[in-house]
PDB file of all heavy atoms in Angstrom:
ATOM      1  N   ASN A   1       0.829  -1.203   0.000  1.00  0.00           N
ATOM      2  CA  ASN A   1       0.000   0.000   0.000  1.00  0.00           C
ATOM      3  C   ASN A   1       0.861   1.248   0.000  1.00  0.00           C
ATOM      4  O   ASN A   1       2.061   1.201   0.299  1.00  0.00           O
ATOM      5  CB  ASN A   1      -0.902   0.004   1.243  1.00  0.00           C
ATOM      6  CG  ASN A   1      -1.844  -1.174   1.285  1.00  0.00           C
ATOM      7  OD1 ASN A   1      -2.264  -1.676   0.238  1.00  0.00           O
ATOM      8  ND2 ASN A   1      -2.181  -1.629   2.481  1.00  0.00           N
ATOM      9  N   ASN A   2       0.235   2.380  -0.334  1.00  0.00           N
ATOM     10  CA  ASN A   2       0.892   3.672  -0.155  1.00  0.00           C
ATOM     11  C   ASN A   2       1.053   3.946   1.342  1.00  0.00           C
ATOM     12  O   ASN A   2       0.382   3.334   2.183  1.00  0.00           O
ATOM     13  CB  ASN A   2       0.083   4.786  -0.806  1.00  0.00           C
ATOM     14  CG  ASN A   2       0.026   4.654  -2.314  1.00  0.00           C
ATOM     15  OD1 ASN A   2       0.943   4.099  -2.940  1.00  0.00           O
ATOM     16  ND2 ASN A   2      -1.042   5.137  -2.914  1.00  0.00           N
ATOM     17  N   LEU A   3       1.917   4.891   1.667  1.00  0.00           N
ATOM     18  CA  LEU A   3       2.169   5.209   3.069  1.00  0.00           C
ATOM     19  C   LEU A   3       0.943   5.856   3.712  1.00  0.00           C
ATOM     20  O   LEU A   3       0.072   6.406   3.042  1.00  0.00           O
ATOM     21  CB  LEU A   3       3.381   6.134   3.192  1.00  0.00           C
ATOM     22  CG  LEU A   3       4.718   5.563   2.695  1.00  0.00           C
ATOM     23  CD1 LEU A   3       5.863   6.529   2.999  1.00  0.00           C
ATOM     24  CD2 LEU A   3       5.013   4.184   3.302  1.00  0.00           C
ATOM     25  N   ASN A   4       0.911   5.776   5.029  1.00  0.00           N
ATOM     26  CA  ASN A   4      -0.206   6.275   5.822  1.00  0.00           C
ATOM     27  C   ASN A   4      -0.339   7.794   5.664  1.00  0.00           C
ATOM     28  O   ASN A   4       0.587   8.550   5.964  1.00  0.00           O
ATOM     29  CB  ASN A   4       0.033   5.912   7.293  1.00  0.00           C
ATOM     30  CG  ASN A   4      -1.160   6.159   8.173  1.00  0.00           C
ATOM     31  OD1 ASN A   4      -1.880   7.129   8.011  1.00  0.00           O
ATOM     32  ND2 ASN A   4      -1.370   5.274   9.145  1.00  0.00           N
ATOM     33  N   THR A   5      -1.508   8.225   5.201  1.00  0.00           N
ATOM     34  CA  THR A   5      -1.708   9.659   4.920  1.00  0.00           C
ATOM     35  C   THR A   5      -1.831  10.501   6.182  1.00  0.00           C
ATOM     36  O   THR A   5      -1.916  11.729   6.100  1.00  0.00           O
ATOM     37  CB  THR A   5      -2.954   9.868   4.050  1.00  0.00           C
ATOM     38  OG1 THR A   5      -4.085   9.244   4.691  1.00  0.00           O
ATOM     39  CG2 THR A   5      -2.756   9.275   2.657  1.00  0.00           C
ATOM     40  N   GLN A   6      -1.820   9.864   7.344  1.00  0.00           N
ATOM     41  CA  GLN A   6      -1.778  10.648   8.582  1.00  0.00           C
ATOM     42  C   GLN A   6      -0.474  11.421   8.683  1.00  0.00           C
ATOM     43  O   GLN A   6      -0.426  12.486   9.299  1.00  0.00           O
ATOM     44  CB  GLN A   6      -1.951   9.729   9.799  1.00  0.00           C
ATOM     45  CG  GLN A   6      -1.975  10.464  11.138  1.00  0.00           C
ATOM     46  CD  GLN A   6      -2.249   9.541  12.306  1.00  0.00           C
ATOM     47  OE1 GLN A   6      -2.652   8.393  12.127  1.00  0.00           O
ATOM     48  NE2 GLN A   6      -2.039  10.030  13.521  1.00  0.00           N
ATOM     49  N   TRP A   7       0.577  10.883   8.045  1.00  0.00           N
ATOM     50  CA  TRP A   7       1.895  11.529   8.133  1.00  0.00           C
ATOM     51  C   TRP A   7       2.542  11.802   6.777  1.00  0.00           C
ATOM     52  O   TRP A   7       3.491  12.575   6.700  1.00  0.00           O
ATOM     53  CB  TRP A   7       2.849  10.660   8.961  1.00  0.00           C
ATOM     54  CG  TRP A   7       2.405  10.506  10.377  1.00  0.00           C
ATOM     55  CD1 TRP A   7       2.438  11.466  11.357  1.00  0.00           C
ATOM     56  CD2 TRP A   7       1.869   9.328  10.986  1.00  0.00           C
ATOM     57  NE1 TRP A   7       1.952  10.959  12.530  1.00  0.00           N
ATOM     58  CE2 TRP A   7       1.593   9.646  12.345  1.00  0.00           C
ATOM     59  CE3 TRP A   7       1.593   8.043  10.522  1.00  0.00           C
ATOM     60  CZ2 TRP A   7       1.059   8.721  13.230  1.00  0.00           C
ATOM     61  CZ3 TRP A   7       1.056   7.115  11.407  1.00  0.00           C
ATOM     62  CH2 TRP A   7       0.789   7.453  12.738  1.00  0.00           C
ATOM     63  N   PHE A   8       2.046  11.172   5.713  1.00  0.00           N
ATOM     64  CA  PHE A   8       2.696  11.283   4.413  1.00  0.00           C
ATOM     65  C   PHE A   8       1.693  11.758   3.370  1.00  0.00           C
ATOM     66  O   PHE A   8       0.497  11.447   3.473  1.00  0.00           O
ATOM     67  CB  PHE A   8       3.284   9.931   3.987  1.00  0.00           C
ATOM     68  CG  PHE A   8       4.255   9.349   4.979  1.00  0.00           C
ATOM     69  CD1 PHE A   8       3.847   8.420   5.933  1.00  0.00           C
ATOM     70  CD2 PHE A   8       5.581   9.748   4.976  1.00  0.00           C
ATOM     71  CE1 PHE A   8       4.727   7.898   6.853  1.00  0.00           C
ATOM     72  CE2 PHE A   8       6.481   9.227   5.893  1.00  0.00           C
ATOM     73  CZ  PHE A   8       6.054   8.304   6.838  1.00  0.00           C
ATOM     74  N   PRO A   9       2.164  12.494   2.348  1.00  0.00           N
ATOM     75  CA  PRO A   9       1.252  12.929   1.276  1.00  0.00           C
ATOM     76  C   PRO A   9       0.614  11.731   0.579  1.00  0.00           C
ATOM     77  O   PRO A   9       1.209  10.658   0.470  1.00  0.00           O
ATOM     78  CB  PRO A   9       2.185  13.693   0.331  1.00  0.00           C
ATOM     79  CG  PRO A   9       3.361  14.087   1.162  1.00  0.00           C
ATOM     80  CD  PRO A   9       3.533  12.989   2.162  1.00  0.00           C
ATOM     81  N   GLY A  10      -0.602  11.913   0.106  1.00  0.00           N
ATOM     82  CA  GLY A  10      -1.297  10.844  -0.595  1.00  0.00           C
ATOM     83  C   GLY A  10      -0.497  10.333  -1.778  1.00  0.00           C
ATOM     84  O   GLY A  10       0.113  11.111  -2.508  1.00  0.00           O
ATOM     85  N   GLY A  11      -0.491   9.029  -1.955  1.00  0.00           N
ATOM     86  CA  GLY A  11       0.225   8.439  -3.076  1.00  0.00           C
ATOM     87  C   GLY A  11       1.701   8.192  -2.835  1.00  0.00           C
ATOM     88  O   GLY A  11       2.402   7.738  -3.744  1.00  0.00           O
ATOM     89  N   THR A  12       2.209   8.474  -1.619  1.00  0.00           N
ATOM     90  CA  THR A  12       3.632   8.268  -1.328  1.00  0.00           C
ATOM     91  C   THR A  12       3.932   6.780  -1.175  1.00  0.00           C
ATOM     92  O   THR A  12       3.284   6.074  -0.398  1.00  0.00           O
ATOM     93  CB  THR A  12       4.045   9.001  -0.040  1.00  0.00           C
ATOM     94  OG1 THR A  12       3.713  10.378  -0.146  1.00  0.00           O
ATOM     95  CG2 THR A  12       5.541   8.848   0.211  1.00  0.00           C
ATOM     96  N   ARG A  13       4.906   6.310  -1.930  1.00  0.00           N
ATOM     97  CA  ARG A  13       5.291   4.907  -1.880  1.00  0.00           C
ATOM     98  C   ARG A  13       6.361   4.677  -0.812  1.00  0.00           C
ATOM     99  O   ARG A  13       7.149   5.583  -0.506  1.00  0.00           O
ATOM    100  CB  ARG A  13       5.843   4.455  -3.242  1.00  0.00           C
ATOM    101  CG  ARG A  13       4.842   4.543  -4.381  1.00  0.00           C
ATOM    102  CD  ARG A  13       3.665   3.618  -4.141  1.00  0.00           C
ATOM    103  NE  ARG A  13       4.083   2.203  -4.179  1.00  0.00           N
ATOM    104  CZ  ARG A  13       3.344   1.207  -3.656  1.00  0.00           C
ATOM    105  NH1 ARG A  13       2.202   1.462  -3.038  1.00  0.00           N
ATOM    106  NH2 ARG A  13       3.776  -0.035  -3.755  1.00  0.00           N
ATOM    107  N   PRO A  14       6.408   3.487  -0.222  1.00  0.00           N
ATOM    108  CA  PRO A  14       7.463   3.190   0.751  1.00  0.00           C
ATOM    109  C   PRO A  14       8.842   3.234   0.101  1.00  0.00           C
ATOM    110  O   PRO A  14       9.014   2.830  -1.049  1.00  0.00           O
ATOM    111  CB  PRO A  14       7.120   1.773   1.234  1.00  0.00           C
ATOM    112  CG  PRO A  14       6.184   1.205   0.218  1.00  0.00           C
ATOM    113  CD  PRO A  14       5.477   2.352  -0.402  1.00  0.00           C
ATOM    114  N   PHE A  15       9.805   3.746   0.846  1.00  0.00           N
ATOM    115  CA  PHE A  15      11.193   3.784   0.390  1.00  0.00           C
ATOM    116  C   PHE A  15      11.798   2.399   0.610  1.00  0.00           C
ATOM    117  O   PHE A  15      11.731   1.846   1.709  1.00  0.00           O
ATOM    118  CB  PHE A  15      11.977   4.836   1.169  1.00  0.00           C
ATOM    119  CG  PHE A  15      13.426   4.939   0.788  1.00  0.00           C
ATOM    120  CD1 PHE A  15      13.792   5.552  -0.393  1.00  0.00           C
ATOM    121  CD2 PHE A  15      14.432   4.434   1.608  1.00  0.00           C
ATOM    122  CE1 PHE A  15      15.135   5.664  -0.760  1.00  0.00           C
ATOM    123  CE2 PHE A  15      15.763   4.538   1.260  1.00  0.00           C
ATOM    124  CZ  PHE A  15      16.110   5.154   0.066  1.00  0.00           C
ATOM    125  N   ILE A  16      12.379   1.847  -0.444  1.00  0.00           N
ATOM    126  CA  ILE A  16      12.915   0.482  -0.400  1.00  0.00           C
ATOM    127  C   ILE A  16      14.417   0.498  -0.647  1.00  0.00           C
ATOM    128  O   ILE A  16      14.899   1.145  -1.577  1.00  0.00           O
ATOM    129  CB  ILE A  16      12.256  -0.406  -1.480  1.00  0.00           C
ATOM    130  CG1 ILE A  16      10.727  -0.427  -1.314  1.00  0.00           C
ATOM    131  CG2 ILE A  16      12.836  -1.819  -1.453  1.00  0.00           C
ATOM    132  CD1 ILE A  16      10.240  -1.045  -0.023  1.00  0.00           C
ATOM    133  N   PHE A  17      15.166  -0.194   0.215  1.00  0.00           N
ATOM    134  CA  PHE A  17      16.563  -0.470  -0.135  1.00  0.00           C
ATOM    135  C   PHE A  17      16.879  -1.919   0.201  1.00  0.00           C
ATOM    136  O   PHE A  17      16.383  -2.487   1.169  1.00  0.00           O
ATOM    137  CB  PHE A  17      17.552   0.513   0.488  1.00  0.00           C
ATOM    138  CG  PHE A  17      17.591   0.568   1.996  1.00  0.00           C
ATOM    139  CD1 PHE A  17      18.659   0.024   2.695  1.00  0.00           C
ATOM    140  CD2 PHE A  17      16.599   1.216   2.715  1.00  0.00           C
ATOM    141  CE1 PHE A  17      18.728   0.101   4.080  1.00  0.00           C
ATOM    142  CE2 PHE A  17      16.660   1.304   4.100  1.00  0.00           C
ATOM    143  CZ  PHE A  17      17.723   0.745   4.786  1.00  0.00           C
ATOM    144  N   GLN A  18      17.667  -2.527  -0.671  1.00  0.00           N
ATOM    145  CA  GLN A  18      17.887  -3.964  -0.666  1.00  0.00           C
ATOM    146  C   GLN A  18      19.334  -4.284  -0.314  1.00  0.00           C
ATOM    147  O   GLN A  18      20.262  -3.697  -0.881  1.00  0.00           O
ATOM    148  CB  GLN A  18      17.561  -4.533  -2.055  1.00  0.00           C
ATOM    149  CG  GLN A  18      16.139  -4.235  -2.510  1.00  0.00           C
ATOM    150  CD  GLN A  18      16.024  -4.268  -4.023  1.00  0.00           C
ATOM    151  OE1 GLN A  18      15.644  -5.282  -4.587  1.00  0.00           O
ATOM    152  NE2 GLN A  18      16.355  -3.171  -4.687  1.00  0.00           N
ATOM    153  N   GLU A  19      19.508  -5.240   0.601  1.00  0.00           N
ATOM    154  CA  GLU A  19      20.855  -5.680   0.958  1.00  0.00           C
ATOM    155  C   GLU A  19      21.348  -6.665  -0.097  1.00  0.00           C
ATOM    156  O   GLU A  19      20.889  -7.803  -0.167  1.00  0.00           O
ATOM    157  CB  GLU A  19      20.874  -6.348   2.324  1.00  0.00           C
ATOM    158  CG  GLU A  19      22.288  -6.738   2.746  1.00  0.00           C
ATOM    159  CD  GLU A  19      22.338  -7.857   3.770  1.00  0.00           C
ATOM    160  OE1 GLU A  19      21.351  -8.606   3.909  1.00  0.00           O
ATOM    161  OE2 GLU A  19      23.392  -7.991   4.410  1.00  0.00           O
ATOM    162  N   VAL A  20      22.275  -6.197  -0.931  1.00  0.00           N
ATOM    163  CA  VAL A  20      22.910  -7.057  -1.940  1.00  0.00           C
ATOM    164  C   VAL A  20      24.413  -6.858  -1.823  1.00  0.00           C
ATOM    165  O   VAL A  20      24.921  -5.772  -2.110  1.00  0.00           O
ATOM    166  CB  VAL A  20      22.439  -6.705  -3.368  1.00  0.00           C
ATOM    167  CG1 VAL A  20      23.132  -7.607  -4.384  1.00  0.00           C
ATOM    168  CG2 VAL A  20      20.924  -6.829  -3.494  1.00  0.00           C
ATOM    169  N   ILE A  21      25.117  -7.870  -1.371  1.00  0.00           N
ATOM    170  CA  ILE A  21      26.575  -7.794  -1.276  1.00  0.00           C
ATOM    171  C   ILE A  21      27.155  -8.186  -2.631  1.00  0.00           C
ATOM    172  O   ILE A  21      27.094  -9.345  -3.022  1.00  0.00           O
ATOM    173  CB  ILE A  21      27.116  -8.698  -0.157  1.00  0.00           C
ATOM    174  CG1 ILE A  21      26.536  -8.289   1.197  1.00  0.00           C
ATOM    175  CG2 ILE A  21      28.645  -8.644  -0.115  1.00  0.00           C
ATOM    176  CD1 ILE A  21      26.952  -9.188   2.348  1.00  0.00           C
ATOM    177  N   ASP A  22      27.675  -7.192  -3.329  1.00  0.00           N
ATOM    178  CA  ASP A  22      28.258  -7.426  -4.656  1.00  0.00           C
ATOM    179  C   ASP A  22      29.611  -6.731  -4.704  1.00  0.00           C
ATOM    180  O   ASP A  22      29.703  -5.534  -4.966  1.00  0.00           O
ATOM    181  CB  ASP A  22      27.321  -6.888  -5.743  1.00  0.00           C
ATOM    182  CG  ASP A  22      27.934  -6.990  -7.141  1.00  0.00           C
ATOM    183  OD1 ASP A  22      28.941  -7.711  -7.288  1.00  0.00           O
ATOM    184  OD2 ASP A  22      27.408  -6.347  -8.067  1.00  0.00           O
ATOM    185  N   LEU A  23      30.659  -7.482  -4.421  1.00  0.00           N
ATOM    186  CA  LEU A  23      32.022  -6.955  -4.505  1.00  0.00           C
ATOM    187  C   LEU A  23      32.669  -7.309  -5.834  1.00  0.00           C
ATOM    188  O   LEU A  23      33.849  -7.055  -6.043  1.00  0.00           O
ATOM    189  CB  LEU A  23      32.875  -7.497  -3.354  1.00  0.00           C
ATOM    190  CG  LEU A  23      32.384  -7.162  -1.938  1.00  0.00           C
ATOM    191  CD1 LEU A  23      33.304  -7.781  -0.897  1.00  0.00           C
ATOM    192  CD2 LEU A  23      32.271  -5.662  -1.740  1.00  0.00           C
ATOM    193  N   GLY A  24      31.870  -7.886  -6.752  1.00  0.00           N
ATOM    194  CA  GLY A  24      32.407  -8.347  -8.029  1.00  0.00           C
ATOM    195  C   GLY A  24      32.877  -9.783  -7.922  1.00  0.00           C
ATOM    196  O   GLY A  24      33.200 -10.284  -6.847  1.00  0.00           O
ATOM    197  N   GLY A  25      32.880 -10.472  -9.061  1.00  0.00           N
ATOM    198  CA  GLY A  25      33.408 -11.834  -9.084  1.00  0.00           C
ATOM    199  C   GLY A  25      32.400 -12.917  -8.769  1.00  0.00           C
ATOM    200  O   GLY A  25      32.761 -14.098  -8.708  1.00  0.00           O
ATOM    201  N   GLU A  26      31.127 -12.552  -8.543  1.00  0.00           N
ATOM    202  CA  GLU A  26      30.103 -13.554  -8.299  1.00  0.00           C
ATOM    203  C   GLU A  26      29.077 -13.532  -9.425  1.00  0.00           C
ATOM    204  O   GLU A  26      29.030 -12.606 -10.238  1.00  0.00           O
ATOM    205  CB  GLU A  26      29.411 -13.309  -6.950  1.00  0.00           C
ATOM    206  CG  GLU A  26      30.300 -13.587  -5.753  1.00  0.00           C
ATOM    207  CD  GLU A  26      29.549 -13.433  -4.437  1.00  0.00           C
ATOM    208  OE1 GLU A  26      28.309 -13.309  -4.475  1.00  0.00           O
ATOM    209  OE2 GLU A  26      30.208 -13.423  -3.386  1.00  0.00           O
ATOM    210  N   ALA A  27      28.226 -14.533  -9.427  1.00  0.00           N
ATOM    211  CA  ALA A  27      27.251 -14.661 -10.517  1.00  0.00           C
ATOM    212  C   ALA A  27      26.120 -13.661 -10.407  1.00  0.00           C
ATOM    213  O   ALA A  27      25.484 -13.316 -11.415  1.00  0.00           O
ATOM    214  CB  ALA A  27      26.685 -16.077 -10.525  1.00  0.00           C
ATOM    215  N   ILE A  28      25.833 -13.174  -9.206  1.00  0.00           N
ATOM    216  CA  ILE A  28      24.716 -12.258  -8.989  1.00  0.00           C
ATOM    217  C   ILE A  28      25.234 -10.835  -8.889  1.00  0.00           C
ATOM    218  O   ILE A  28      26.177 -10.541  -8.147  1.00  0.00           O
ATOM    219  CB  ILE A  28      23.940 -12.647  -7.722  1.00  0.00           C
ATOM    220  CG1 ILE A  28      23.249 -13.997  -7.948  1.00  0.00           C
ATOM    221  CG2 ILE A  28      22.912 -11.577  -7.351  1.00  0.00           C
ATOM    222  CD1 ILE A  28      22.556 -14.554  -6.729  1.00  0.00           C
ATOM    223  N   SER A  29      24.589  -9.933  -9.640  1.00  0.00           N
ATOM    224  CA  SER A  29      25.001  -8.535  -9.684  1.00  0.00           C
ATOM    225  C   SER A  29      23.960  -7.647  -9.011  1.00  0.00           C
ATOM    226  O   SER A  29      22.746  -7.904  -9.113  1.00  0.00           O
ATOM    227  CB  SER A  29      25.182  -8.091 -11.139  1.00  0.00           C
ATOM    228  OG  SER A  29      25.312  -6.684 -11.224  1.00  0.00           O
ATOM    229  N   ALA A  30      24.425  -6.605  -8.351  1.00  0.00           N
ATOM    230  CA  ALA A  30      23.515  -5.648  -7.720  1.00  0.00           C
ATOM    231  C   ALA A  30      22.571  -5.026  -8.739  1.00  0.00           C
ATOM    232  O   ALA A  30      21.434  -4.674  -8.412  1.00  0.00           O
ATOM    233  CB  ALA A  30      24.321  -4.570  -7.011  1.00  0.00           C
ATOM    234  N   SER A  31      23.023  -4.905  -9.993  1.00  0.00           N
ATOM    235  CA  SER A  31      22.213  -4.242 -11.013  1.00  0.00           C
ATOM    236  C   SER A  31      20.902  -4.975 -11.277  1.00  0.00           C
ATOM    237  O   SER A  31      19.933  -4.361 -11.751  1.00  0.00           O
ATOM    238  CB  SER A  31      23.006  -4.104 -12.313  1.00  0.00           C
ATOM    239  OG  SER A  31      23.346  -5.382 -12.836  1.00  0.00           O
ATOM    240  N   GLU A  32      20.843  -6.256 -10.951  1.00  0.00           N
ATOM    241  CA  GLU A  32      19.610  -7.022 -11.156  1.00  0.00           C
ATOM    242  C   GLU A  32      18.471  -6.523 -10.272  1.00  0.00           C
ATOM    243  O   GLU A  32      17.300  -6.820 -10.536  1.00  0.00           O
ATOM    244  CB  GLU A  32      19.858  -8.500 -10.878  1.00  0.00           C
ATOM    245  CG  GLU A  32      20.881  -9.160 -11.792  1.00  0.00           C
ATOM    246  CD  GLU A  32      21.176 -10.587 -11.380  1.00  0.00           C
ATOM    247  OE1 GLU A  32      20.199 -11.348 -11.197  1.00  0.00           O
ATOM    248  OE2 GLU A  32      22.356 -10.940 -11.218  1.00  0.00           O
ATOM    249  N   TYR A  33      18.810  -5.753  -9.238  1.00  0.00           N
ATOM    250  CA  TYR A  33      17.820  -5.323  -8.248  1.00  0.00           C
ATOM    251  C   TYR A  33      17.440  -3.852  -8.378  1.00  0.00           C
ATOM    252  O   TYR A  33      16.619  -3.369  -7.596  1.00  0.00           O
ATOM    253  CB  TYR A  33      18.358  -5.613  -6.838  1.00  0.00           C
ATOM    254  CG  TYR A  33      18.527  -7.088  -6.579  1.00  0.00           C
ATOM    255  CD1 TYR A  33      19.670  -7.765  -7.003  1.00  0.00           C
ATOM    256  CD2 TYR A  33      17.535  -7.820  -5.943  1.00  0.00           C
ATOM    257  CE1 TYR A  33      19.821  -9.130  -6.792  1.00  0.00           C
ATOM    258  CE2 TYR A  33      17.673  -9.185  -5.726  1.00  0.00           C
ATOM    259  CZ  TYR A  33      18.815  -9.825  -6.161  1.00  0.00           C
ATOM    260  OH  TYR A  33      18.950 -11.189  -5.956  1.00  0.00           O
ATOM    261  N   TYR A  34      18.018  -3.143  -9.352  1.00  0.00           N
ATOM    262  CA  TYR A  34      17.759  -1.707  -9.471  1.00  0.00           C
ATOM    263  C   TYR A  34      16.272  -1.397  -9.632  1.00  0.00           C
ATOM    264  O   TYR A  34      15.781  -0.374  -9.147  1.00  0.00           O
ATOM    265  CB  TYR A  34      18.509  -1.121 -10.661  1.00  0.00           C
ATOM    266  CG  TYR A  34      20.019  -1.048 -10.535  1.00  0.00           C
ATOM    267  CD1 TYR A  34      20.808  -0.775 -11.651  1.00  0.00           C
ATOM    268  CD2 TYR A  34      20.651  -1.252  -9.318  1.00  0.00           C
ATOM    269  CE1 TYR A  34      22.183  -0.699 -11.559  1.00  0.00           C
ATOM    270  CE2 TYR A  34      22.035  -1.191  -9.222  1.00  0.00           C
ATOM    271  CZ  TYR A  34      22.796  -0.916 -10.349  1.00  0.00           C
ATOM    272  OH  TYR A  34      24.165  -0.850 -10.252  1.00  0.00           O
ATOM    273  N   GLY A  35      15.546  -2.260 -10.317  1.00  0.00           N
ATOM    274  CA  GLY A  35      14.142  -1.980 -10.579  1.00  0.00           C
ATOM    275  C   GLY A  35      13.262  -1.998  -9.344  1.00  0.00           C
ATOM    276  O   GLY A  35      12.133  -1.486  -9.382  1.00  0.00           O
ATOM    277  N   ASN A  36      13.773  -2.555  -8.251  1.00  0.00           N
ATOM    278  CA  ASN A  36      12.970  -2.671  -7.033  1.00  0.00           C
ATOM    279  C   ASN A  36      13.195  -1.546  -6.040  1.00  0.00           C
ATOM    280  O   ASN A  36      12.407  -1.386  -5.104  1.00  0.00           O
ATOM    281  CB  ASN A  36      13.273  -3.995  -6.330  1.00  0.00           C
ATOM    282  CG  ASN A  36      12.811  -5.194  -7.121  1.00  0.00           C
ATOM    283  OD1 ASN A  36      11.827  -5.124  -7.851  1.00  0.00           O
ATOM    284  ND2 ASN A  36      13.533  -6.306  -6.994  1.00  0.00           N
ATOM    285  N   GLY A  37      14.280  -0.783  -6.192  1.00  0.00           N
ATOM    286  CA  GLY A  37      14.595   0.278  -5.235  1.00  0.00           C
ATOM    287  C   GLY A  37      16.088   0.461  -5.121  1.00  0.00           C
ATOM    288  O   GLY A  37      16.865  -0.042  -5.935  1.00  0.00           O
ATOM    289  N   ARG A  38      16.505   1.190  -4.117  1.00  0.00           N
ATOM    290  CA  ARG A  38      17.936   1.396  -3.869  1.00  0.00           C
ATOM    291  C   ARG A  38      18.602   0.072  -3.493  1.00  0.00           C
ATOM    292  O   ARG A  38      17.949  -0.861  -3.024  1.00  0.00           O
ATOM    293  CB  ARG A  38      18.135   2.403  -2.735  1.00  0.00           C
ATOM    294  CG  ARG A  38      17.708   3.817  -3.079  1.00  0.00           C
ATOM    295  CD  ARG A  38      18.861   4.628  -3.613  1.00  0.00           C
ATOM    296  NE  ARG A  38      18.424   5.955  -4.036  1.00  0.00           N
ATOM    297  CZ  ARG A  38      19.255   6.930  -4.388  1.00  0.00           C
ATOM    298  NH1 ARG A  38      20.572   6.733  -4.358  1.00  0.00           N
ATOM    299  NH2 ARG A  38      18.806   8.095  -4.786  1.00  0.00           N
ATOM    300  N   VAL A  39      19.922   0.040  -3.677  1.00  0.00           N
ATOM    301  CA  VAL A  39      20.697  -1.161  -3.393  1.00  0.00           C
ATOM    302  C   VAL A  39      21.920  -0.765  -2.573  1.00  0.00           C
ATOM    303  O   VAL A  39      22.539   0.277  -2.820  1.00  0.00           O
ATOM    304  CB  VAL A  39      21.128  -1.874  -4.700  1.00  0.00           C
ATOM    305  CG1 VAL A  39      21.900  -3.150  -4.382  1.00  0.00           C
ATOM    306  CG2 VAL A  39      19.919  -2.184  -5.573  1.00  0.00           C
ATOM    307  N   THR A  40      22.267  -1.577  -1.589  1.00  0.00           N
ATOM    308  CA  THR A  40      23.437  -1.308  -0.764  1.00  0.00           C
ATOM    309  C   THR A  40      24.718  -1.439  -1.588  1.00  0.00           C
ATOM    310  O   THR A  40      24.927  -2.440  -2.259  1.00  0.00           O
ATOM    311  CB  THR A  40      23.487  -2.278   0.421  1.00  0.00           C
ATOM    312  OG1 THR A  40      23.366  -3.619  -0.081  1.00  0.00           O
ATOM    313  CG2 THR A  40      22.367  -2.009   1.405  1.00  0.00           C
ATOM    314  N   GLU A  41      25.586  -0.435  -1.516  1.00  0.00           N
ATOM    315  CA  GLU A  41      26.868  -0.459  -2.220  1.00  0.00           C
ATOM    316  C   GLU A  41      27.962  -0.797  -1.205  1.00  0.00           C
ATOM    317  O   GLU A  41      28.501   0.089  -0.531  1.00  0.00           O
ATOM    318  CB  GLU A  41      27.136   0.885  -2.899  1.00  0.00           C
ATOM    319  CG  GLU A  41      28.476   0.982  -3.627  1.00  0.00           C
ATOM    320  CD  GLU A  41      28.736  -0.165  -4.599  1.00  0.00           C
ATOM    321  OE1 GLU A  41      29.200  -1.228  -4.128  1.00  0.00           O
ATOM    322  OE2 GLU A  41      28.480  -0.002  -5.797  1.00  0.00           O
ATOM    323  N   PHE A  42      28.254  -2.095  -1.075  1.00  0.00           N
ATOM    324  CA  PHE A  42      29.204  -2.549  -0.057  1.00  0.00           C
ATOM    325  C   PHE A  42      30.650  -2.192  -0.399  1.00  0.00           C
ATOM    326  O   PHE A  42      31.505  -2.175   0.489  1.00  0.00           O
ATOM    327  CB  PHE A  42      29.061  -4.061   0.156  1.00  0.00           C
ATOM    328  CG  PHE A  42      27.988  -4.426   1.139  1.00  0.00           C
ATOM    329  CD1 PHE A  42      26.679  -4.594   0.719  1.00  0.00           C
ATOM    330  CD2 PHE A  42      28.276  -4.597   2.479  1.00  0.00           C
ATOM    331  CE1 PHE A  42      25.672  -4.926   1.617  1.00  0.00           C
ATOM    332  CE2 PHE A  42      27.285  -4.928   3.392  1.00  0.00           C
ATOM    333  CZ  PHE A  42      25.981  -5.093   2.963  1.00  0.00           C
ATOM    334  N   LYS A  43      30.931  -1.925  -1.668  1.00  0.00           N
ATOM    335  CA  LYS A  43      32.304  -1.549  -2.024  1.00  0.00           C
ATOM    336  C   LYS A  43      32.665  -0.194  -1.411  1.00  0.00           C
ATOM    337  O   LYS A  43      33.845   0.109  -1.212  1.00  0.00           O
ATOM    338  CB  LYS A  43      32.458  -1.495  -3.549  1.00  0.00           C
ATOM    339  CG  LYS A  43      32.358  -2.860  -4.221  1.00  0.00           C
ATOM    340  CD  LYS A  43      32.767  -2.821  -5.680  1.00  0.00           C
ATOM    341  CE  LYS A  43      31.774  -2.115  -6.565  1.00  0.00           C
ATOM    342  NZ  LYS A  43      30.529  -2.911  -6.766  1.00  0.00           N
ATOM    343  N   TYR A  44      31.667   0.624  -1.135  1.00  0.00           N
ATOM    344  CA  TYR A  44      31.884   1.989  -0.641  1.00  0.00           C
ATOM    345  C   TYR A  44      32.700   1.988   0.658  1.00  0.00           C
ATOM    346  O   TYR A  44      33.772   2.590   0.739  1.00  0.00           O
ATOM    347  CB  TYR A  44      30.523   2.655  -0.423  1.00  0.00           C
ATOM    348  CG  TYR A  44      30.576   4.138  -0.153  1.00  0.00           C
ATOM    349  CD1 TYR A  44      30.274   5.054  -1.161  1.00  0.00           C
ATOM    350  CD2 TYR A  44      30.882   4.639   1.100  1.00  0.00           C
ATOM    351  CE1 TYR A  44      30.292   6.420  -0.929  1.00  0.00           C
ATOM    352  CE2 TYR A  44      30.909   6.001   1.351  1.00  0.00           C
ATOM    353  CZ  TYR A  44      30.607   6.892   0.330  1.00  0.00           C
ATOM    354  OH  TYR A  44      30.640   8.256   0.575  1.00  0.00           O
TER     355      TYR A  44
END
């Protein structure tokens, strides 16, 4: 659902960030998850 309008503007979507450990060299890439929200950048 959209966020509770008691505190947020109507139509506000939940902020999503996904824990994906991608230091390179593995079969799974962080880029596969971009469409769902922010992604943790563990190299940082």
